[in-house]
Amino acid sequence: LGLLGTLRSPLCSVDLAAVETNIVMVSIRGGWPSPTELC
């Protein structure tokens, strides 16, 4: 979320309310990079 404020064109986002345990699901915005490429 802090990264989103730093970059004008955010690469990814996260729903902080959905982070309840040890798992974070990161949404990739736009078509590039793909999740595989980002990994």
All heavy atoms as atom14 arrays in JSON, in Angstrom:
{
  "sequence": "LGLLGTLRSPLCSVDLAAVETNIVMVSIRGGWPSPTELC",
  "atom14_mask": [
    [1, 1, 1, 1, 1, 1, 1, 1, 0, 0, 0, 0, 0, 0],
    [1, 1, 1, 1, 0, 0, 0, 0, 0, 0, 0, 0, 0, 0],
    [1, 1, 1, 1, 1, 1, 1, 1, 0, 0, 0, 0, 0, 0],
    [1, 1, 1, 1, 1, 1, 1, 1, 0, 0, 0, 0, 0, 0],
    [1, 1, 1, 1, 0, 0, 0, 0, 0, 0, 0, 0, 0, 0],
    [1, 1, 1, 1, 1, 1, 1, 0, 0, 0, 0, 0, 0, 0],
    [1, 1, 1, 1, 1, 1, 1, 1, 0, 0, 0, 0, 0, 0],
    [1, 1, 1, 1, 1, 1, 1, 1, 1, 1, 1, 0, 0, 0],
    [1, 1, 1, 1, 1, 1, 0, 0, 0, 0, 0, 0, 0, 0],
    [1, 1, 1, 1, 1, 1, 1, 0, 0, 0, 0, 0, 0, 0],
    [1, 1, 1, 1, 1, 1, 1, 1, 0, 0, 0, 0, 0, 0],
    [1, 1, 1, 1, 1, 1, 0, 0, 0, 0, 0, 0, 0, 0],
    [1, 1, 1, 1, 1, 1, 0, 0, 0, 0, 0, 0, 0, 0],
    [1, 1, 1, 1, 1, 1, 1, 0, 0, 0, 0, 0, 0, 0],
    [1, 1, 1, 1, 1, 1, 1, 1, 0, 0, 0, 0, 0, 0],
    [1, 1, 1, 1, 1, 1, 1, 1, 0, 0, 0, 0, 0, 0],
    [1, 1, 1, 1, 1, 0, 0, 0, 0, 0, 0, 0, 0, 0],
    [1, 1, 1, 1, 1, 0, 0, 0, 0, 0, 0, 0, 0, 0],
    [1, 1, 1, 1, 1, 1, 1, 0, 0, 0, 0, 0, 0, 0],
    [1, 1, 1, 1, 1, 1, 1, 1, 1, 0, 0, 0, 0, 0],
    [1, 1, 1, 1, 1, 1, 1, 0, 0, 0, 0, 0, 0, 0],
    [1, 1, 1, 1, 1, 1, 1, 1, 0, 0, 0, 0, 0, 0],
    [1, 1, 1, 1, 1, 1, 1, 1, 0, 0, 0, 0, 0, 0],
    [1, 1, 1, 1, 1, 1, 1, 0, 0, 0, 0, 0, 0, 0],
    [1, 1, 1, 1, 1, 1, 1, 1, 0, 0, 0, 0, 0, 0],
    [1, 1, 1, 1, 1, 1, 1, 0, 0, 0, 0, 0, 0, 0],
    [1, 1, 1, 1, 1, 1, 0, 0, 0, 0, 0, 0, 0, 0],
    [1, 1, 1, 1, 1, 1, 1, 1, 0, 0, 0, 0, 0, 0],
    [1, 1, 1, 1, 1, 1, 1, 1, 1, 1, 1, 0, 0, 0],
    [1, 1, 1, 1, 0, 0, 0, 0, 0, 0, 0, 0, 0, 0],
    [1, 1, 1, 1, 0, 0, 0, 0, 0, 0, 0, 0, 0, 0],
    [1, 1, 1, 1, 1, 1, 1, 1, 1, 1, 1, 1, 1, 1],
    [1, 1, 1, 1, 1, 1, 1, 0, 0, 0, 0, 0, 0, 0],
    [1, 1, 1, 1, 1, 1, 0, 0, 0, 0, 0, 0, 0, 0],
    [1, 1, 1, 1, 1, 1, 1, 0, 0, 0, 0, 0, 0, 0],
    [1, 1, 1, 1, 1, 1, 1, 0, 0, 0, 0, 0, 0, 0],
    [1, 1, 1, 1, 1, 1, 1, 1, 1, 0, 0, 0, 0, 0],
    [1, 1, 1, 1, 1, 1, 1, 1, 0, 0, 0, 0, 0, 0],
    [1, 1, 1, 1, 1, 1, 0, 0, 0, 0, 0, 0, 0, 0]
  ],
  "atom14_positions": [
    [[0.84, -1.2, 0.0], [0.0, 0.0, 0.0], [0.87, 1.25, 0.0], [0.55, 2.24, -0.67], [-0.95, -0.01, 1.2], [-2.03, -1.08, 1.17], [-2.88, -1.02, 2.42], [-2.89, -0.98, -0.08], [0.0, 0.0, 0.0], [0.0, 0.0, 0.0], [0.0, 0.0, 0.0], [0.0, 0.0, 0.0], [0.0, 0.0, 0.0], [0.0, 0.0, 0.0]],
    [[1.98, 1.22, 0.73], [2.92, 2.34, 0.72], [3.56, 2.52, -0.64], [3.78, 3.64, -1.11], [0.0, 0.0, 0.0], [0.0, 0.0, 0.0], [0.0, 0.0, 0.0], [0.0, 0.0, 0.0], [0.0, 0.0, 0.0], [0.0, 0.0, 0.0], [0.0, 0.0, 0.0], [0.0, 0.0, 0.0], [0.0, 0.0, 0.0], [0.0, 0.0, 0.0]],
    [[3.81, 1.42, -1.31], [4.38, 1.44, -2.66], [3.42, 2.11, -3.64], [3.85, 2.84, -4.53], [4.7, 0.02, -3.1], [5.36, -0.2, -4.44], [6.71, 0.48, -4.49], [5.5, -1.68, -4.72], [0.0, 0.0, 0.0], [0.0, 0.0, 0.0], [0.0, 0.0, 0.0], [0.0, 0.0, 0.0], [0.0, 0.0, 0.0], [0.0, 0.0, 0.0]],
    [[2.13, 1.89, -3.44], [1.14, 2.52, -4.32], [1.23, 4.04, -4.25], [1.03, 4.72, -5.24], [-0.27, 2.06, -3.94], [-0.59, 0.6, -4.17], [-1.98, 0.27, -3.64], [-0.49, 0.24, -5.63], [0.0, 0.0, 0.0], [0.0, 0.0, 0.0], [0.0, 0.0, 0.0], [0.0, 0.0, 0.0], [0.0, 0.0, 0.0], [0.0, 0.0, 0.0]],
    [[1.54, 4.57, -3.06], [1.7, 6.01, -2.92], [2.97, 6.53, -3.55], [3.03, 7.66, -4.01], [0.0, 0.0, 0.0], [0.0, 0.0, 0.0], [0.0, 0.0, 0.0], [0.0, 0.0, 0.0], [0.0, 0.0, 0.0], [0.0, 0.0, 0.0], [0.0, 0.0, 0.0], [0.0, 0.0, 0.0], [0.0, 0.0, 0.0], [0.0, 0.0, 0.0]],
    [[3.99, 5.69, -3.62], [5.28, 6.08, -4.17], [5.27, 6.11, -5.69], [5.82, 7.01, -6.31], [6.38, 5.1, -3.7], [6.37, 5.06, -2.28], [7.73, 5.53, -4.18], [0.0, 0.0, 0.0], [0.0, 0.0, 0.0], [0.0, 0.0, 0.0], [0.0, 0.0, 0.0], [0.0, 0.0, 0.0], [0.0, 0.0, 0.0], [0.0, 0.0, 0.0]],
    [[4.63, 5.12, -6.29], [4.61, 5.01, -7.75], [3.35, 5.65, -8.31], [2.27, 5.49, -7.77], [4.66, 3.53, -8.16], [5.86, 2.73, -7.68], [5.68, 1.27, -8.03], [7.14, 3.26, -8.28], [0.0, 0.0, 0.0], [0.0, 0.0, 0.0], [0.0, 0.0, 0.0], [0.0, 0.0, 0.0], [0.0, 0.0, 0.0], [0.0, 0.0, 0.0]],
    [[3.5, 6.35, -9.4], [2.32, 6.96, -10.02], [1.5, 5.94, -10.81], [0.31, 6.09, -10.98], [2.76, 8.1, -10.95], [3.19, 9.31, -10.18], [3.49, 10.47, -11.11], [4.72, 11.07, -10.62], [5.77, 11.33, -11.35], [5.77, 11.08, -12.63], [6.83, 11.86, -10.81], [0.0, 0.0, 0.0], [0.0, 0.0, 0.0], [0.0, 0.0, 0.0]],
    [[2.16, 4.93, -11.33], [1.49, 3.88, -12.08], [1.72, 2.56, -11.36], [2.67, 1.86, -11.64], [2.05, 3.82, -13.5], [1.5, 2.71, -14.18], [0.0, 0.0, 0.0], [0.0, 0.0, 0.0], [0.0, 0.0, 0.0], [0.0, 0.0, 0.0], [0.0, 0.0, 0.0], [0.0, 0.0, 0.0], [0.0, 0.0, 0.0], [0.0, 0.0, 0.0]],
    [[0.87, 2.24, -10.36], [1.15, 1.07, -9.53], [1.12, -0.25, -10.29], [0.25, -0.48, -11.13], [0.06, 1.11, -8.47], [-1.02, 1.95, -9.05], [-0.37, 2.89, -10.03], [0.0, 0.0, 0.0], [0.0, 0.0, 0.0], [0.0, 0.0, 0.0], [0.0, 0.0, 0.0], [0.0, 0.0, 0.0], [0.0, 0.0, 0.0], [0.0, 0.0, 0.0]],
    [[2.07, -1.09, -9.99], [2.19, -2.4, -10.59], [1.22, -3.39, -9.94], [0.68, -4.26, -10.6], [3.63, -2.9, -10.39], [3.96, -4.34, -10.72], [3.93, -4.53, -12.22], [5.32, -4.7, -10.16], [0.0, 0.0, 0.0], [0.0, 0.0, 0.0], [0.0, 0.0, 0.0], [0.0, 0.0, 0.0], [0.0, 0.0, 0.0], [0.0, 0.0, 0.0]],
    [[0.98, -3.22, -8.63], [0.18, -4.19, -7.91], [-0.61, -3.52, -6.8], [-0.36, -2.37, -6.45], [1.08, -5.28, -7.34], [2.43, -4.66, -6.33], [0.0, 0.0, 0.0], [0.0, 0.0, 0.0], [0.0, 0.0, 0.0], [0.0, 0.0, 0.0], [0.0, 0.0, 0.0], [0.0, 0.0, 0.0], [0.0, 0.0, 0.0], [0.0, 0.0, 0.0]],
    [[-1.55, -4.28, -6.26], [-2.33, -3.79, -5.13], [-2.68, -4.97, -4.23], [-2.51, -6.12, -4.6], [-3.61, -3.1, -5.63], [-4.46, -4.04, -6.24], [0.0, 0.0, 0.0], [0.0, 0.0, 0.0], [0.0, 0.0, 0.0], [0.0, 0.0, 0.0], [0.0, 0.0, 0.0], [0.0, 0.0, 0.0], [0.0, 0.0, 0.0], [0.0, 0.0, 0.0]],
    [[-3.16, -4.63, -3.06], [-3.55, -5.65, -2.09], [-4.74, -5.14, -1.3], [-4.85, -3.95, -1.03], [-2.36, -6.02, -1.17], [-1.96, -4.87, -0.28], [-2.66, -7.24, -0.35], [0.0, 0.0, 0.0], [0.0, 0.0, 0.0], [0.0, 0.0, 0.0], [0.0, 0.0, 0.0], [0.0, 0.0, 0.0], [0.0, 0.0, 0.0], [0.0, 0.0, 0.0]],
    [[-5.65, -6.04, -0.97], [-6.79, -5.71, -0.12], [-6.38, -6.01, 1.31], [-6.37, -7.17, 1.74], [-8.01, -6.56, -0.54], [-9.21, -6.32, 0.34], [-9.17, -5.45, 1.25], [-10.22, -7.03, 0.13], [0.0, 0.0, 0.0], [0.0, 0.0, 0.0], [0.0, 0.0, 0.0], [0.0, 0.0, 0.0], [0.0, 0.0, 0.0], [0.0, 0.0, 0.0]],
    [[-6.02, -4.98, 2.05], [-5.51, -5.16, 3.41], [-6.53, -5.86, 4.31], [-6.15, -6.64, 5.19], [-5.11, -3.8, 4.0], [-4.24, -3.84, 5.23], [-2.97, -4.63, 5.01], [-3.9, -2.43, 5.67], [0.0, 0.0, 0.0], [0.0, 0.0, 0.0], [0.0, 0.0, 0.0], [0.0, 0.0, 0.0], [0.0, 0.0, 0.0], [0.0, 0.0, 0.0]],
    [[-7.81, -5.62, 4.09], [-8.84, -6.27, 4.9], [-8.85, -7.79, 4.71], [-9.3, -8.53, 5.58], [-10.21, -5.7, 4.57], [0.0, 0.0, 0.0], [0.0, 0.0, 0.0], [0.0, 0.0, 0.0], [0.0, 0.0, 0.0], [0.0, 0.0, 0.0], [0.0, 0.0, 0.0], [0.0, 0.0, 0.0], [0.0, 0.0, 0.0], [0.0, 0.0, 0.0]],
    [[-8.34, -8.26, 3.58], [-8.32, -9.69, 3.29], [-7.09, -10.4, 3.88], [-7.0, -11.61, 3.83], [-8.37, -9.93, 1.78], [0.0, 0.0, 0.0], [0.0, 0.0, 0.0], [0.0, 0.0, 0.0], [0.0, 0.0, 0.0], [0.0, 0.0, 0.0], [0.0, 0.0, 0.0], [0.0, 0.0, 0.0], [0.0, 0.0, 0.0], [0.0, 0.0, 0.0]],
    [[-6.16, -9.63, 4.42], [-4.95, -10.22, 5.01], [-5.26, -10.54, 6.47], [-5.08, -9.71, 7.36], [-3.74, -9.28, 4.89], [-2.49, -9.92, 5.48], [-3.51, -8.9, 3.43], [0.0, 0.0, 0.0], [0.0, 0.0, 0.0], [0.0, 0.0, 0.0], [0.0, 0.0, 0.0], [0.0, 0.0, 0.0], [0.0, 0.0, 0.0], [0.0, 0.0, 0.0]],
    [[-5.73, -11.77, 6.69], [-6.13, -12.17, 8.04], [-5.16, -13.15, 8.67], [-5.13, -13.3, 9.89], [-7.51, -12.83, 7.99], [-8.61, -11.89, 7.5], [-9.94, -12.58, 7.41], [-10.1, -13.43, 6.51], [-10.8, -12.26, 8.24], [0.0, 0.0, 0.0], [0.0, 0.0, 0.0], [0.0, 0.0, 0.0], [0.0, 0.0, 0.0], [0.0, 0.0, 0.0]],
    [[-4.38, -13.83, 7.86], [-3.45, -14.83, 8.39], [-2.07, -14.59, 7.79], [-1.62, -13.46, 7.7], [-3.94, -16.26, 8.08], [-3.99, -16.45, 6.66], [-5.3, -16.53, 8.69], [0.0, 0.0, 0.0], [0.0, 0.0, 0.0], [0.0, 0.0, 0.0], [0.0, 0.0, 0.0], [0.0, 0.0, 0.0], [0.0, 0.0, 0.0], [0.0, 0.0, 0.0]],
    [[-1.41, -15.65, 7.37], [-0.06, -15.59, 6.84], [-0.02, -15.55, 5.32], [1.03, -15.75, 4.72], [0.76, -16.79, 7.33], [0.18, -18.11, 6.84], [-1.03, -18.28, 6.72], [1.05, -19.07, 6.57], [0.0, 0.0, 0.0], [0.0, 0.0, 0.0], [0.0, 0.0, 0.0], [0.0, 0.0, 0.0], [0.0, 0.0, 0.0], [0.0, 0.0, 0.0]],
    [[-1.15, -15.29, 4.69], [-1.24, -15.29, 3.22], [-1.59, -13.9, 2.72], [-2.52, -13.26, 3.23], [-2.3, -16.3, 2.74], [-1.92, -17.72, 3.19], [-2.47, -16.23, 1.23], [-2.98, -18.76, 2.92], [0.0, 0.0, 0.0], [0.0, 0.0, 0.0], [0.0, 0.0, 0.0], [0.0, 0.0, 0.0], [0.0, 0.0, 0.0], [0.0, 0.0, 0.0]],
    [[-0.85, -13.44, 1.73], [-1.13, -12.16, 1.07], [-1.35, -12.44, -0.41], [-0.48, -13.0, -1.07], [0.03, -11.15, 1.25], [-0.25, -9.86, 0.5], [0.28, -10.87, 2.73], [0.0, 0.0, 0.0], [0.0, 0.0, 0.0], [0.0, 0.0, 0.0], [0.0, 0.0, 0.0], [0.0, 0.0, 0.0], [0.0, 0.0, 0.0], [0.0, 0.0, 0.0]],
    [[-2.51, -12.06, -0.89], [-2.83, -12.18, -2.31], [-2.58, -10.81, -2.95], [-3.23, -9.83, -2.58], [-4.28, -12.62, -2.51], [-4.61, -13.95, -1.83], [-3.59, -15.33, -2.37], [-4.41, -15.75, -3.88], [0.0, 0.0, 0.0], [0.0, 0.0, 0.0], [0.0, 0.0, 0.0], [0.0, 0.0, 0.0], [0.0, 0.0, 0.0], [0.0, 0.0, 0.0]],
    [[-1.66, -10.75, -3.88], [-1.26, -9.5, -4.53], [-1.89, -9.47, -5.91], [-1.65, -10.36, -6.74], [0.28, -9.4, -4.63], [0.68, -8.08, -5.28], [0.92, -9.57, -3.27], [0.0, 0.0, 0.0], [0.0, 0.0, 0.0], [0.0, 0.0, 0.0], [0.0, 0.0, 0.0], [0.0, 0.0, 0.0], [0.0, 0.0, 0.0], [0.0, 0.0, 0.0]],
    [[-2.7, -8.46, -6.18], [-3.34, -8.3, -7.49], [-2.38, -7.54, -8.41], [-1.84, -6.5, -8.04], [-4.64, -7.51, -7.36], [-5.55, -8.21, -6.57], [0.0, 0.0, 0.0], [0.0, 0.0, 0.0], [0.0, 0.0, 0.0], [0.0, 0.0, 0.0], [0.0, 0.0, 0.0], [0.0, 0.0, 0.0], [0.0, 0.0, 0.0], [0.0, 0.0, 0.0]],
    [[-2.2, -8.08, -9.61], [-1.33, -7.46, -10.6], [-2.2, -6.6, -11.5], [-3.17, -7.08, -12.06], [-0.59, -8.52, -11.44], [0.12, -9.53, -10.53], [0.38, -7.88, -12.41], [1.11, -8.93, -9.58], [0.0, 0.0, 0.0], [0.0, 0.0, 0.0], [0.0, 0.0, 0.0], [0.0, 0.0, 0.0], [0.0, 0.0, 0.0], [0.0, 0.0, 0.0]],
    [[-1.82, -5.35, -11.64], [-2.59, -4.42, -12.46], [-2.0, -4.35, -13.86], [-0.79, -4.37, -14.03], [-2.59, -3.05, -11.82], [-3.3, -3.04, -10.49], [-3.34, -1.66, -9.95], [-4.15, -1.64, -8.74], [-4.46, -0.55, -8.12], [-4.05, 0.62, -8.56], [-5.2, -0.61, -7.03], [0.0, 0.0, 0.0], [0.0, 0.0, 0.0], [0.0, 0.0, 0.0]],
    [[-2.89, -4.25, -14.83], [-2.44, -4.16, -16.22], [-2.06, -5.53, -16.75], [-2.13, -6.53, -16.06], [0.0, 0.0, 0.0], [0.0, 0.0, 0.0], [0.0, 0.0, 0.0], [0.0, 0.0, 0.0], [0.0, 0.0, 0.0], [0.0, 0.0, 0.0], [0.0, 0.0, 0.0], [0.0, 0.0, 0.0], [0.0, 0.0, 0.0], [0.0, 0.0, 0.0]],
    [[-1.62, -5.57, -17.96], [-1.3, -6.84, -18.59], [0.15, -7.25, -18.46], [0.5, -8.39, -18.7], [0.0, 0.0, 0.0], [0.0, 0.0, 0.0], [0.0, 0.0, 0.0], [0.0, 0.0, 0.0], [0.0, 0.0, 0.0], [0.0, 0.0, 0.0], [0.0, 0.0, 0.0], [0.0, 0.0, 0.0], [0.0, 0.0, 0.0], [0.0, 0.0, 0.0]],
    [[1.02, -6.32, -18.08], [2.42, -6.66, -18.01], [3.05, -6.04, -16.78], [2.81, -4.86, -16.51], [3.14, -6.15, -19.25], [4.46, -6.82, -19.45], [4.67, -8.03, -19.99], [5.73, -6.3, -19.09], [6.01, -8.32, -20.0], [6.69, -7.26, -19.44], [6.17, -5.13, -18.49], [8.04, -7.1, -19.22], [7.52, -4.96, -18.26], [8.45, -5.93, -18.64]],
    [[3.74, -6.74, -15.99], [4.12, -8.14, -16.17], [2.99, -9.07, -15.75], [2.11, -8.69, -14.99], [5.3, -8.3, -15.21], [4.97, -7.37, -14.09], [4.29, -6.19, -14.75], [0.0, 0.0, 0.0], [0.0, 0.0, 0.0], [0.0, 0.0, 0.0], [0.0, 0.0, 0.0], [0.0, 0.0, 0.0], [0.0, 0.0, 0.0], [0.0, 0.0, 0.0]],
    [[3.06, -10.28, -16.22], [2.11, -11.3, -15.78], [2.55, -11.75, -14.38], [3.69, -11.51, -13.98], [2.12, -12.48, -16.74], [3.34, -13.19, -16.61], [0.0, 0.0, 0.0], [0.0, 0.0, 0.0], [0.0, 0.0, 0.0], [0.0, 0.0, 0.0], [0.0, 0.0, 0.0], [0.0, 0.0, 0.0], [0.0, 0.0, 0.0], [0.0, 0.0, 0.0]],
    [[1.68, -12.41, -13.64], [2.11, -12.95, -12.34], [3.35, -13.83, -12.45], [4.25, -13.74, -11.61], [0.88, -13.73, -11.87], [-0.26, -12.97, -12.45], [0.23, -12.57, -13.83], [0.0, 0.0, 0.0], [0.0, 0.0, 0.0], [0.0, 0.0, 0.0], [0.0, 0.0, 0.0], [0.0, 0.0, 0.0], [0.0, 0.0, 0.0], [0.0, 0.0, 0.0]],
    [[3.42, -14.65, -13.48], [4.59, -15.52, -13.66], [5.85, -14.68, -13.87], [6.9, -14.96, -13.28], [4.38, -16.49, -14.84], [3.22, -17.29, -14.55], [5.58, -17.38, -15.05], [0.0, 0.0, 0.0], [0.0, 0.0, 0.0], [0.0, 0.0, 0.0], [0.0, 0.0, 0.0], [0.0, 0.0, 0.0], [0.0, 0.0, 0.0], [0.0, 0.0, 0.0]],
    [[5.76, -13.65, -14.71], [6.92, -12.78, -14.96], [7.34, -12.04, -13.69], [8.53, -11.91, -13.4], [6.62, -11.79, -16.08], [6.5, -12.45, -17.44], [5.9, -11.52, -18.49], [5.01, -10.71, -18.14], [6.33, -11.61, -19.64], [0.0, 0.0, 0.0], [0.0, 0.0, 0.0], [0.0, 0.0, 0.0], [0.0, 0.0, 0.0], [0.0, 0.0, 0.0]],
    [[6.36, -11.54, -12.94], [6.68, -10.85, -11.69], [7.39, -11.8, -10.73], [8.4, -11.44, -10.13], [5.42, -10.28, -11.05], [5.64, -9.55, -9.72], [6.6, -8.38, -9.89], [4.32, -9.09, -9.14], [0.0, 0.0, 0.0], [0.0, 0.0, 0.0], [0.0, 0.0, 0.0], [0.0, 0.0, 0.0], [0.0, 0.0, 0.0], [0.0, 0.0, 0.0]],
    [[6.89, -13.03, -10.61], [7.52, -14.02, -9.73], [8.96, -14.29, -10.15], [9.86, -14.4, -9.31], [6.72, -15.31, -9.72], [5.12, -15.16, -8.9], [0.0, 0.0, 0.0], [0.0, 0.0, 0.0], [0.0, 0.0, 0.0], [0.0, 0.0, 0.0], [0.0, 0.0, 0.0], [0.0, 0.0, 0.0], [0.0, 0.0, 0.0], [0.0, 0.0, 0.0]]
  ]
}
